[in-house]
Amino acid sequence: MTPPAPAPDAPSRPFAVCVFCGARPGSEPRFLELAARAGALLAASGATVVYGGGRVGMMGALADAALAEGGEVVGVIPSVLMNREVGHTGLARLEVVSDMQARKQRMIELSDAFLTLPGGLGTLDELFEVLTLRQLGEHAKPIVAVSDRGYFDALAASLRGFVGHGLAATRDVDALECVPTVEAALARFGLAPARR
């Protein structure tokens, strides 16, 4: 699913990072703060933010912070969730697609890397989709999760357990890199916020 290389004389597009995160705000203010920090830092680095298109919860905080920094934000949302997740109308582009599978496929197509922030079942579904496609050789894009205060530590331990039981390969599990901060994730993508 890697996009075709542009023609030599074609203008290059900005690096695009797909962010998976919750449509809920979480139980503590730090979740919204983390999402806002990710959005602001990605925008300041010049990256395009691709995400699930919602205006509420962590997704909304991510998009609003990126927009406030002058960043380009592209949302992809299924029609069934336009009302539930309140589709964000202030984006550079909001694509409404038929279903959840189409949403994931489109976000993958638009993105050069994947950043996972804390979230729930939908966030895990998106994360495992890109991990599985990487395992199958469908893409080689980096996949990084911000394990803020250990949020993804139990998941990482479970993945290592799958390897220990012979049901997953180390290289496939290692495709998910867990880091403690958004700054570390951006560094993994080769991005750095512009100095002001």
N, C-alpha and C. Protein backbone atom coordinates (compact mmCIF):
# COMPACT_ATOMS: atom_id res chain seq x y z
N MET A 1 0.81 -1.19 0.00
CA MET A 1 0.00 0.00 0.00
C MET A 1 0.85 1.26 0.00
N THR A 2 2.14 1.13 -0.26
CA THR A 2 2.98 2.31 -0.35
C THR A 2 2.60 3.10 -1.58
N PRO A 3 2.38 4.43 -1.43
CA PRO A 3 1.98 5.21 -2.60
C PRO A 3 3.08 5.23 -3.64
N PRO A 4 2.72 5.34 -4.94
CA PRO A 4 3.75 5.36 -5.98
C PRO A 4 4.64 6.58 -5.82
N ALA A 5 5.90 6.43 -6.24
CA ALA A 5 6.83 7.55 -6.16
C ALA A 5 6.43 8.61 -7.16
N PRO A 6 6.54 9.90 -6.77
CA PRO A 6 6.18 10.96 -7.71
C PRO A 6 7.16 11.02 -8.87
N ALA A 7 6.71 11.56 -9.99
CA ALA A 7 7.60 11.77 -11.13
C ALA A 7 8.71 12.72 -10.72
N PRO A 8 9.90 12.62 -11.36
CA PRO A 8 11.04 13.44 -10.93
C PRO A 8 10.75 14.93 -10.89
N ASP A 9 9.89 15.44 -11.78
CA ASP A 9 9.62 16.87 -11.80
C ASP A 9 8.38 17.25 -11.01
N ALA A 10 7.74 16.27 -10.37
CA ALA A 10 6.52 16.55 -9.60
C ALA A 10 6.89 17.14 -8.24
N PRO A 11 6.11 18.10 -7.74
CA PRO A 11 6.41 18.65 -6.42
C PRO A 11 6.18 17.59 -5.34
N SER A 12 7.04 17.57 -4.35
CA SER A 12 6.86 16.59 -3.28
C SER A 12 5.82 17.10 -2.30
N ARG A 13 5.06 16.17 -1.72
CA ARG A 13 4.04 16.57 -0.76
C ARG A 13 4.62 16.46 0.65
N PRO A 14 4.01 17.14 1.60
CA PRO A 14 4.51 17.05 2.98
C PRO A 14 4.41 15.62 3.51
N PHE A 15 5.30 15.28 4.42
CA PHE A 15 5.25 14.00 5.11
C PHE A 15 3.93 13.93 5.88
N ALA A 16 3.21 12.84 5.75
CA ALA A 16 1.89 12.71 6.38
C ALA A 16 1.93 11.65 7.47
N VAL A 17 1.49 12.03 8.67
CA VAL A 17 1.45 11.12 9.81
C VAL A 17 0.00 10.84 10.17
N CYS A 18 -0.37 9.58 10.15
CA CYS A 18 -1.71 9.16 10.57
C CYS A 18 -1.69 8.96 12.08
N VAL A 19 -2.62 9.61 12.77
CA VAL A 19 -2.69 9.50 14.22
C VAL A 19 -3.95 8.73 14.61
N PHE A 20 -3.76 7.66 15.35
CA PHE A 20 -4.87 6.90 15.92
C PHE A 20 -5.01 7.31 17.38
N CYS A 21 -6.21 7.68 17.80
CA CYS A 21 -6.44 8.03 19.20
C CYS A 21 -7.94 7.99 19.50
N GLY A 22 -8.28 8.18 20.75
CA GLY A 22 -9.65 8.02 21.19
C GLY A 22 -10.60 9.13 20.75
N ALA A 23 -11.85 8.75 20.53
CA ALA A 23 -12.91 9.73 20.27
C ALA A 23 -13.50 10.21 21.59
N ARG A 24 -13.05 9.64 22.70
CA ARG A 24 -13.47 10.07 24.04
C ARG A 24 -12.35 10.90 24.65
N PRO A 25 -12.68 11.72 25.65
CA PRO A 25 -11.65 12.55 26.26
C PRO A 25 -10.77 11.82 27.27
N GLY A 26 -11.19 10.64 27.72
CA GLY A 26 -10.43 9.93 28.73
C GLY A 26 -10.80 10.40 30.13
N SER A 27 -10.29 9.71 31.12
CA SER A 27 -10.67 9.96 32.51
C SER A 27 -9.84 11.04 33.18
N GLU A 28 -8.75 11.46 32.53
CA GLU A 28 -7.86 12.46 33.11
C GLU A 28 -7.53 13.52 32.07
N PRO A 29 -7.31 14.77 32.48
CA PRO A 29 -6.98 15.85 31.53
C PRO A 29 -5.75 15.55 30.68
N ARG A 30 -4.85 14.70 31.18
CA ARG A 30 -3.61 14.45 30.47
C ARG A 30 -3.83 13.83 29.09
N PHE A 31 -4.95 13.13 28.89
CA PHE A 31 -5.19 12.52 27.58
C PHE A 31 -5.45 13.58 26.51
N LEU A 32 -6.31 14.54 26.83
CA LEU A 32 -6.55 15.63 25.89
C LEU A 32 -5.29 16.47 25.69
N GLU A 33 -4.53 16.66 26.76
CA GLU A 33 -3.29 17.43 26.66
C GLU A 33 -2.29 16.72 25.76
N LEU A 34 -2.20 15.40 25.86
CA LEU A 34 -1.29 14.63 25.03
C LEU A 34 -1.69 14.74 23.56
N ALA A 35 -2.98 14.62 23.29
CA ALA A 35 -3.46 14.72 21.91
C ALA A 35 -3.18 16.10 21.34
N ALA A 36 -3.43 17.13 22.14
CA ALA A 36 -3.17 18.50 21.68
C ALA A 36 -1.68 18.71 21.42
N ARG A 37 -0.85 18.17 22.28
CA ARG A 37 0.60 18.30 22.09
C ARG A 37 1.03 17.62 20.80
N ALA A 38 0.49 16.45 20.54
CA ALA A 38 0.83 15.74 19.30
C ALA A 38 0.43 16.56 18.08
N GLY A 39 -0.79 17.09 18.10
CA GLY A 39 -1.24 17.89 16.97
C GLY A 39 -0.38 19.11 16.74
N ALA A 40 -0.07 19.83 17.83
CA ALA A 40 0.73 21.05 17.71
C ALA A 40 2.14 20.75 17.21
N LEU A 41 2.77 19.71 17.74
CA LEU A 41 4.13 19.39 17.35
C LEU A 41 4.21 18.86 15.92
N LEU A 42 3.23 18.06 15.52
CA LEU A 42 3.22 17.58 14.14
C LEU A 42 3.06 18.74 13.17
N ALA A 43 2.14 19.65 13.48
CA ALA A 43 1.94 20.81 12.61
C ALA A 43 3.19 21.68 12.56
N ALA A 44 3.82 21.89 13.71
CA ALA A 44 5.02 22.72 13.76
C ALA A 44 6.18 22.09 13.00
N SER A 45 6.15 20.77 12.84
CA SER A 45 7.21 20.08 12.09
C SER A 45 6.96 20.13 10.59
N GLY A 46 5.79 20.61 10.19
CA GLY A 46 5.45 20.66 8.77
C GLY A 46 4.75 19.43 8.24
N ALA A 47 4.46 18.46 9.12
CA ALA A 47 3.78 17.24 8.69
C ALA A 47 2.28 17.48 8.53
N THR A 48 1.69 16.77 7.59
CA THR A 48 0.23 16.73 7.48
C THR A 48 -0.29 15.72 8.49
N VAL A 49 -1.34 16.09 9.21
CA VAL A 49 -1.97 15.17 10.16
C VAL A 49 -3.16 14.51 9.48
N VAL A 50 -3.15 13.18 9.47
CA VAL A 50 -4.27 12.39 8.97
C VAL A 50 -4.88 11.69 10.17
N TYR A 51 -6.19 11.76 10.33
CA TYR A 51 -6.81 11.13 11.50
C TYR A 51 -8.26 10.80 11.18
N GLY A 52 -9.00 10.32 12.18
CA GLY A 52 -10.34 9.81 11.98
C GLY A 52 -11.45 10.80 11.75
N GLY A 53 -11.15 12.09 11.70
CA GLY A 53 -12.11 13.09 11.26
C GLY A 53 -13.07 13.63 12.30
N GLY A 54 -12.97 13.19 13.55
CA GLY A 54 -13.91 13.64 14.57
C GLY A 54 -13.54 14.98 15.19
N ARG A 55 -14.55 15.62 15.79
CA ARG A 55 -14.35 16.92 16.46
C ARG A 55 -14.42 16.79 17.97
N VAL A 56 -14.59 15.58 18.50
CA VAL A 56 -14.76 15.37 19.93
C VAL A 56 -13.62 14.53 20.49
N GLY A 57 -13.49 14.55 21.81
CA GLY A 57 -12.51 13.72 22.50
C GLY A 57 -11.08 14.05 22.10
N MET A 58 -10.22 13.04 22.19
CA MET A 58 -8.83 13.22 21.85
C MET A 58 -8.66 13.59 20.38
N MET A 59 -9.50 13.02 19.52
CA MET A 59 -9.40 13.33 18.10
C MET A 59 -9.60 14.83 17.86
N GLY A 60 -10.60 15.40 18.51
CA GLY A 60 -10.85 16.83 18.35
C GLY A 60 -9.72 17.68 18.87
N ALA A 61 -9.16 17.29 20.02
CA ALA A 61 -8.04 18.04 20.59
C ALA A 61 -6.82 18.00 19.67
N LEU A 62 -6.57 16.85 19.09
CA LEU A 62 -5.47 16.68 18.13
C LEU A 62 -5.64 17.63 16.95
N ALA A 63 -6.82 17.58 16.33
CA ALA A 63 -7.07 18.38 15.13
C ALA A 63 -7.04 19.86 15.44
N ASP A 64 -7.70 20.27 16.51
CA ASP A 64 -7.77 21.69 16.85
C ASP A 64 -6.39 22.27 17.12
N ALA A 65 -5.54 21.52 17.81
CA ALA A 65 -4.20 22.01 18.11
C ALA A 65 -3.35 22.11 16.85
N ALA A 66 -3.49 21.14 15.95
CA ALA A 66 -2.74 21.20 14.70
C ALA A 66 -3.20 22.39 13.86
N LEU A 67 -4.51 22.61 13.81
CA LEU A 67 -5.04 23.74 13.05
C LEU A 67 -4.59 25.06 13.64
N ALA A 68 -4.55 25.14 14.97
CA ALA A 68 -4.11 26.37 15.63
C ALA A 68 -2.67 26.72 15.31
N GLU A 69 -1.86 25.69 14.98
CA GLU A 69 -0.46 25.90 14.60
C GLU A 69 -0.32 26.14 13.11
N GLY A 70 -1.44 26.20 12.39
CA GLY A 70 -1.39 26.43 10.95
C GLY A 70 -1.11 25.18 10.15
N GLY A 71 -1.31 24.01 10.75
CA GLY A 71 -1.03 22.76 10.07
C GLY A 71 -2.14 22.32 9.15
N GLU A 72 -1.79 21.41 8.24
CA GLU A 72 -2.79 20.80 7.36
C GLU A 72 -3.31 19.53 8.04
N VAL A 73 -4.64 19.42 8.14
CA VAL A 73 -5.26 18.28 8.80
C VAL A 73 -6.29 17.67 7.85
N VAL A 74 -6.16 16.36 7.64
CA VAL A 74 -7.08 15.63 6.78
C VAL A 74 -7.81 14.60 7.63
N GLY A 75 -9.13 14.62 7.60
CA GLY A 75 -9.93 13.66 8.35
C GLY A 75 -10.61 12.67 7.43
N VAL A 76 -10.74 11.45 7.93
CA VAL A 76 -11.45 10.41 7.19
C VAL A 76 -12.44 9.78 8.16
N ILE A 77 -13.73 9.89 7.84
CA ILE A 77 -14.75 9.43 8.79
C ILE A 77 -15.84 8.65 8.06
N PRO A 78 -16.29 7.53 8.63
CA PRO A 78 -17.40 6.79 8.02
C PRO A 78 -18.71 7.56 8.20
N SER A 79 -19.61 7.42 7.26
CA SER A 79 -20.88 8.15 7.33
C SER A 79 -21.65 7.82 8.61
N VAL A 80 -21.55 6.58 9.09
CA VAL A 80 -22.28 6.18 10.29
C VAL A 80 -21.79 6.92 11.54
N LEU A 81 -20.54 7.43 11.49
CA LEU A 81 -19.98 8.11 12.65
C LEU A 81 -19.98 9.64 12.51
N MET A 82 -20.49 10.15 11.42
CA MET A 82 -20.49 11.61 11.22
C MET A 82 -21.18 12.33 12.37
N ASN A 83 -22.28 11.76 12.86
CA ASN A 83 -23.00 12.39 13.97
C ASN A 83 -22.42 11.99 15.32
N ARG A 84 -22.09 10.71 15.49
CA ARG A 84 -21.60 10.23 16.78
C ARG A 84 -20.26 10.86 17.16
N GLU A 85 -19.34 10.94 16.19
CA GLU A 85 -18.03 11.52 16.46
C GLU A 85 -17.98 12.98 16.03
N VAL A 86 -19.08 13.50 15.57
CA VAL A 86 -19.22 14.90 15.16
C VAL A 86 -18.10 15.28 14.20
N GLY A 87 -18.31 14.99 12.93
CA GLY A 87 -17.30 15.27 11.91
C GLY A 87 -16.81 16.71 11.97
N HIS A 88 -15.50 16.86 11.92
CA HIS A 88 -14.86 18.18 12.06
C HIS A 88 -14.95 18.93 10.74
N THR A 89 -15.63 20.06 10.73
CA THR A 89 -15.84 20.81 9.49
C THR A 89 -14.78 21.88 9.23
N GLY A 90 -13.82 22.02 10.13
CA GLY A 90 -12.80 23.06 9.96
C GLY A 90 -11.50 22.55 9.36
N LEU A 91 -11.52 21.36 8.77
CA LEU A 91 -10.29 20.74 8.28
C LEU A 91 -9.97 21.18 6.86
N ALA A 92 -8.72 20.97 6.45
CA ALA A 92 -8.34 21.19 5.06
C ALA A 92 -9.17 20.27 4.17
N ARG A 93 -9.41 19.06 4.65
CA ARG A 93 -10.22 18.09 3.89
C ARG A 93 -10.84 17.10 4.86
N LEU A 94 -12.14 16.87 4.71
CA LEU A 94 -12.84 15.84 5.47
C LEU A 94 -13.46 14.89 4.47
N GLU A 95 -12.97 13.66 4.45
CA GLU A 95 -13.49 12.65 3.53
C GLU A 95 -14.49 11.77 4.28
N VAL A 96 -15.68 11.65 3.76
CA VAL A 96 -16.70 10.77 4.34
C VAL A 96 -16.72 9.50 3.51
N VAL A 97 -16.47 8.37 4.18
CA VAL A 97 -16.38 7.08 3.48
C VAL A 97 -17.49 6.15 3.95
N SER A 98 -17.60 5.01 3.29
CA SER A 98 -18.75 4.13 3.50
C SER A 98 -18.75 3.42 4.84
N ASP A 99 -17.59 2.97 5.31
CA ASP A 99 -17.56 2.17 6.54
C ASP A 99 -16.17 2.23 7.18
N MET A 100 -16.04 1.52 8.30
CA MET A 100 -14.80 1.54 9.07
C MET A 100 -13.62 0.98 8.27
N GLN A 101 -13.87 -0.07 7.49
CA GLN A 101 -12.79 -0.66 6.71
C GLN A 101 -12.27 0.33 5.67
N ALA A 102 -13.21 1.03 5.04
CA ALA A 102 -12.81 2.04 4.05
C ALA A 102 -12.04 3.18 4.72
N ARG A 103 -12.44 3.52 5.93
CA ARG A 103 -11.72 4.57 6.67
C ARG A 103 -10.27 4.16 6.89
N LYS A 104 -10.06 2.96 7.39
CA LYS A 104 -8.70 2.51 7.67
C LYS A 104 -7.87 2.46 6.38
N GLN A 105 -8.45 1.91 5.33
CA GLN A 105 -7.74 1.80 4.06
C GLN A 105 -7.33 3.17 3.55
N ARG A 106 -8.24 4.14 3.63
CA ARG A 106 -7.94 5.48 3.12
C ARG A 106 -6.87 6.17 3.97
N MET A 107 -6.96 6.04 5.29
CA MET A 107 -5.94 6.65 6.14
C MET A 107 -4.56 6.06 5.87
N ILE A 108 -4.51 4.77 5.63
CA ILE A 108 -3.24 4.11 5.32
C ILE A 108 -2.69 4.63 4.00
N GLU A 109 -3.55 4.77 3.00
CA GLU A 109 -3.12 5.27 1.70
C GLU A 109 -2.54 6.68 1.79
N LEU A 110 -3.12 7.51 2.63
CA LEU A 110 -2.73 8.92 2.72
C LEU A 110 -1.47 9.16 3.54
N SER A 111 -0.99 8.14 4.27
CA SER A 111 0.01 8.37 5.31
C SER A 111 1.36 7.74 5.01
N ASP A 112 2.39 8.37 5.59
CA ASP A 112 3.76 7.86 5.49
C ASP A 112 4.23 7.20 6.78
N ALA A 113 3.50 7.40 7.87
CA ALA A 113 3.86 6.85 9.18
C ALA A 113 2.61 6.83 10.05
N PHE A 114 2.67 6.04 11.12
CA PHE A 114 1.51 5.88 12.00
C PHE A 114 1.91 6.14 13.44
N LEU A 115 1.13 7.01 14.08
CA LEU A 115 1.36 7.37 15.48
C LEU A 115 0.11 6.99 16.27
N THR A 116 0.28 6.15 17.28
CA THR A 116 -0.84 5.74 18.11
C THR A 116 -0.73 6.38 19.48
N LEU A 117 -1.80 7.07 19.86
CA LEU A 117 -1.92 7.66 21.19
C LEU A 117 -2.92 6.81 21.98
N PRO A 118 -3.03 7.03 23.29
CA PRO A 118 -4.02 6.27 24.05
C PRO A 118 -5.41 6.34 23.42
N GLY A 119 -6.11 5.25 23.52
CA GLY A 119 -7.46 5.16 22.97
C GLY A 119 -8.08 3.84 23.40
N GLY A 120 -9.20 3.52 22.81
CA GLY A 120 -9.93 2.31 23.17
C GLY A 120 -9.90 1.27 22.07
N LEU A 121 -11.03 0.58 21.89
CA LEU A 121 -11.09 -0.53 20.96
C LEU A 121 -10.86 -0.10 19.52
N GLY A 122 -11.44 1.02 19.13
CA GLY A 122 -11.25 1.49 17.75
C GLY A 122 -9.80 1.82 17.46
N THR A 123 -9.13 2.42 18.44
CA THR A 123 -7.71 2.75 18.28
C THR A 123 -6.88 1.48 18.13
N LEU A 124 -7.18 0.47 18.93
CA LEU A 124 -6.46 -0.80 18.83
C LEU A 124 -6.73 -1.49 17.50
N ASP A 125 -7.97 -1.40 17.03
CA ASP A 125 -8.32 -1.98 15.73
C ASP A 125 -7.46 -1.36 14.63
N GLU A 126 -7.33 -0.03 14.65
CA GLU A 126 -6.54 0.66 13.64
C GLU A 126 -5.07 0.29 13.75
N LEU A 127 -4.56 0.24 14.98
CA LEU A 127 -3.16 -0.13 15.19
C LEU A 127 -2.88 -1.53 14.68
N PHE A 128 -3.73 -2.49 15.01
CA PHE A 128 -3.48 -3.86 14.58
C PHE A 128 -3.67 -4.05 13.09
N GLU A 129 -4.49 -3.22 12.47
CA GLU A 129 -4.62 -3.26 11.02
C GLU A 129 -3.28 -2.94 10.35
N VAL A 130 -2.65 -1.84 10.79
CA VAL A 130 -1.38 -1.46 10.14
C VAL A 130 -0.26 -2.42 10.52
N LEU A 131 -0.29 -2.97 11.72
CA LEU A 131 0.71 -3.98 12.09
C LEU A 131 0.57 -5.24 11.24
N THR A 132 -0.66 -5.69 11.05
CA THR A 132 -0.89 -6.89 10.26
C THR A 132 -0.51 -6.68 8.80
N LEU A 133 -0.87 -5.52 8.24
CA LEU A 133 -0.51 -5.24 6.85
C LEU A 133 1.00 -5.14 6.68
N ARG A 134 1.68 -4.63 7.70
CA ARG A 134 3.15 -4.60 7.62
C ARG A 134 3.71 -6.01 7.67
N GLN A 135 3.14 -6.85 8.52
CA GLN A 135 3.56 -8.25 8.61
C GLN A 135 3.42 -8.94 7.25
N LEU A 136 2.37 -8.59 6.53
CA LEU A 136 2.10 -9.20 5.22
C LEU A 136 2.90 -8.56 4.09
N GLY A 137 3.70 -7.55 4.41
CA GLY A 137 4.50 -6.90 3.39
C GLY A 137 3.75 -5.88 2.55
N GLU A 138 2.57 -5.45 3.02
CA GLU A 138 1.78 -4.48 2.27
C GLU A 138 2.33 -3.06 2.40
N HIS A 139 3.12 -2.80 3.42
CA HIS A 139 3.78 -1.50 3.58
C HIS A 139 4.98 -1.69 4.50
N ALA A 140 5.85 -0.68 4.53
CA ALA A 140 7.02 -0.70 5.41
C ALA A 140 7.11 0.61 6.18
N LYS A 141 5.97 1.22 6.45
CA LYS A 141 5.92 2.52 7.13
C LYS A 141 6.12 2.34 8.63
N PRO A 142 6.79 3.31 9.27
CA PRO A 142 7.01 3.19 10.72
C PRO A 142 5.71 3.28 11.51
N ILE A 143 5.67 2.52 12.60
CA ILE A 143 4.50 2.46 13.49
C ILE A 143 5.00 2.71 14.91
N VAL A 144 4.55 3.81 15.51
CA VAL A 144 5.03 4.19 16.84
C VAL A 144 3.84 4.46 17.75
N ALA A 145 3.91 3.98 18.98
CA ALA A 145 2.88 4.26 19.98
C ALA A 145 3.51 5.07 21.11
N VAL A 146 2.80 6.10 21.55
CA VAL A 146 3.25 6.88 22.70
C VAL A 146 2.66 6.24 23.96
N SER A 147 3.52 5.57 24.71
CA SER A 147 3.08 4.88 25.92
C SER A 147 3.18 5.83 27.11
N ASP A 148 2.36 6.87 27.07
CA ASP A 148 2.35 7.89 28.12
C ASP A 148 2.03 7.24 29.47
N ARG A 149 2.95 7.43 30.41
CA ARG A 149 2.82 6.84 31.76
C ARG A 149 2.52 5.34 31.69
N GLY A 150 3.10 4.67 30.71
CA GLY A 150 2.99 3.22 30.61
C GLY A 150 1.69 2.71 29.99
N TYR A 151 0.96 3.58 29.30
CA TYR A 151 -0.36 3.20 28.78
C TYR A 151 -0.31 1.93 27.93
N PHE A 152 0.71 1.78 27.10
CA PHE A 152 0.79 0.62 26.21
C PHE A 152 1.75 -0.46 26.70
N ASP A 153 2.23 -0.33 27.93
CA ASP A 153 3.20 -1.32 28.42
C ASP A 153 2.61 -2.73 28.49
N ALA A 154 1.37 -2.84 28.95
CA ALA A 154 0.75 -4.17 29.05
C ALA A 154 0.54 -4.77 27.66
N LEU A 155 0.18 -3.91 26.70
CA LEU A 155 0.02 -4.40 25.33
C LEU A 155 1.34 -4.90 24.78
N ALA A 156 2.41 -4.15 25.00
CA ALA A 156 3.73 -4.57 24.52
C ALA A 156 4.14 -5.90 25.16
N ALA A 157 3.82 -6.06 26.44
CA ALA A 157 4.14 -7.33 27.12
C ALA A 157 3.34 -8.48 26.54
N SER A 158 2.08 -8.22 26.21
CA SER A 158 1.25 -9.26 25.59
C SER A 158 1.82 -9.68 24.24
N LEU A 159 2.26 -8.71 23.46
CA LEU A 159 2.84 -9.03 22.15
C LEU A 159 4.09 -9.89 22.31
N ARG A 160 4.92 -9.55 23.28
CA ARG A 160 6.11 -10.39 23.53
C ARG A 160 5.70 -11.79 23.97
N GLY A 161 4.58 -11.87 24.70
CA GLY A 161 4.07 -13.18 25.10
C GLY A 161 3.64 -14.02 23.91
N PHE A 162 3.05 -13.37 22.89
CA PHE A 162 2.67 -14.10 21.68
C PHE A 162 3.90 -14.73 21.04
N VAL A 163 5.00 -13.96 21.04
CA VAL A 163 6.24 -14.49 20.47
C VAL A 163 6.72 -15.67 21.30
N GLY A 164 6.68 -15.52 22.62
CA GLY A 164 7.13 -16.60 23.50
C GLY A 164 6.35 -17.89 23.32
N HIS A 165 5.08 -17.75 22.94
CA HIS A 165 4.24 -18.94 22.71
C HIS A 165 4.36 -19.45 21.28
N GLY A 166 5.21 -18.81 20.47
CA GLY A 166 5.41 -19.27 19.10
C GLY A 166 4.29 -18.89 18.15
N LEU A 167 3.47 -17.90 18.52
CA LEU A 167 2.33 -17.53 17.68
C LEU A 167 2.52 -16.20 16.96
N ALA A 168 3.67 -15.59 17.13
CA ALA A 168 4.02 -14.37 16.40
C ALA A 168 5.53 -14.33 16.26
N ALA A 169 6.00 -13.64 15.23
CA ALA A 169 7.44 -13.51 14.98
C ALA A 169 7.96 -12.23 15.64
N THR A 170 9.17 -12.30 16.14
CA THR A 170 9.78 -11.14 16.80
C THR A 170 9.80 -9.93 15.88
N ARG A 171 10.17 -10.13 14.61
CA ARG A 171 10.28 -8.97 13.69
C ARG A 171 8.93 -8.28 13.51
N ASP A 172 7.83 -9.04 13.56
CA ASP A 172 6.51 -8.45 13.38
C ASP A 172 6.07 -7.68 14.62
N VAL A 173 6.38 -8.22 15.78
CA VAL A 173 6.06 -7.53 17.03
C VAL A 173 6.92 -6.27 17.17
N ASP A 174 8.18 -6.37 16.75
CA ASP A 174 9.10 -5.24 16.86
C ASP A 174 8.76 -4.11 15.89
N ALA A 175 7.86 -4.36 14.96
CA ALA A 175 7.42 -3.30 14.04
C ALA A 175 6.70 -2.19 14.80
N LEU A 176 6.16 -2.52 15.98
CA LEU A 176 5.55 -1.51 16.84
C LEU A 176 6.60 -1.02 17.83
N GLU A 177 6.94 0.24 17.71
CA GLU A 177 7.90 0.84 18.63
C GLU A 177 7.16 1.69 19.65
N CYS A 178 7.32 1.37 20.92
CA CYS A 178 6.69 2.15 21.99
C CYS A 178 7.70 3.15 22.54
N VAL A 179 7.29 4.41 22.61
CA VAL A 179 8.15 5.47 23.12
C VAL A 179 7.38 6.23 24.20
N PRO A 180 8.07 6.95 25.09
CA PRO A 180 7.36 7.59 26.21
C PRO A 180 6.74 8.94 25.89
N THR A 181 7.20 9.61 24.82
CA THR A 181 6.74 10.96 24.56
C THR A 181 6.45 11.19 23.08
N VAL A 182 5.68 12.23 22.81
CA VAL A 182 5.41 12.63 21.43
C VAL A 182 6.70 13.06 20.75
N GLU A 183 7.56 13.78 21.49
CA GLU A 183 8.82 14.22 20.92
C GLU A 183 9.66 13.04 20.43
N ALA A 184 9.68 11.95 21.20
CA ALA A 184 10.44 10.76 20.79
C ALA A 184 9.83 10.14 19.54
N ALA A 185 8.50 10.18 19.43
CA ALA A 185 7.84 9.65 18.24
C ALA A 185 8.22 10.47 17.01
N LEU A 186 8.18 11.79 17.13
CA LEU A 186 8.55 12.64 16.00
C LEU A 186 10.00 12.39 15.58
N ALA A 187 10.88 12.21 16.55
CA ALA A 187 12.28 11.92 16.23
C ALA A 187 12.39 10.62 15.46
N ARG A 188 11.57 9.64 15.85
CA ARG A 188 11.58 8.34 15.13
C ARG A 188 11.16 8.52 13.68
N PHE A 189 10.28 9.49 13.42
CA PHE A 189 9.82 9.75 12.05
C PHE A 189 10.78 10.69 11.30
N GLY A 190 11.80 11.18 11.98
CA GLY A 190 12.71 12.13 11.36
C GLY A 190 12.14 13.53 11.28
N LEU A 191 11.20 13.85 12.18
CA LEU A 191 10.57 15.16 12.19
C LEU A 191 11.04 15.95 13.40
N ALA A 192 11.07 17.25 13.25
CA ALA A 192 11.39 18.13 14.37
C ALA A 192 10.59 19.41 14.20
N PRO A 193 9.96 19.89 15.28
CA PRO A 193 9.23 21.15 15.17
C PRO A 193 10.13 22.30 14.73
N ALA A 194 9.60 23.14 13.86
CA ALA A 194 10.38 24.28 13.39
C ALA A 194 10.65 25.24 14.54
N ARG A 195 11.85 25.81 14.55
CA ARG A 195 12.18 26.81 15.59
C ARG A 195 11.51 28.12 15.23
N ARG A 196 11.00 28.79 16.26
CA ARG A 196 10.33 30.07 16.04
C ARG A 196 11.18 31.20 16.57
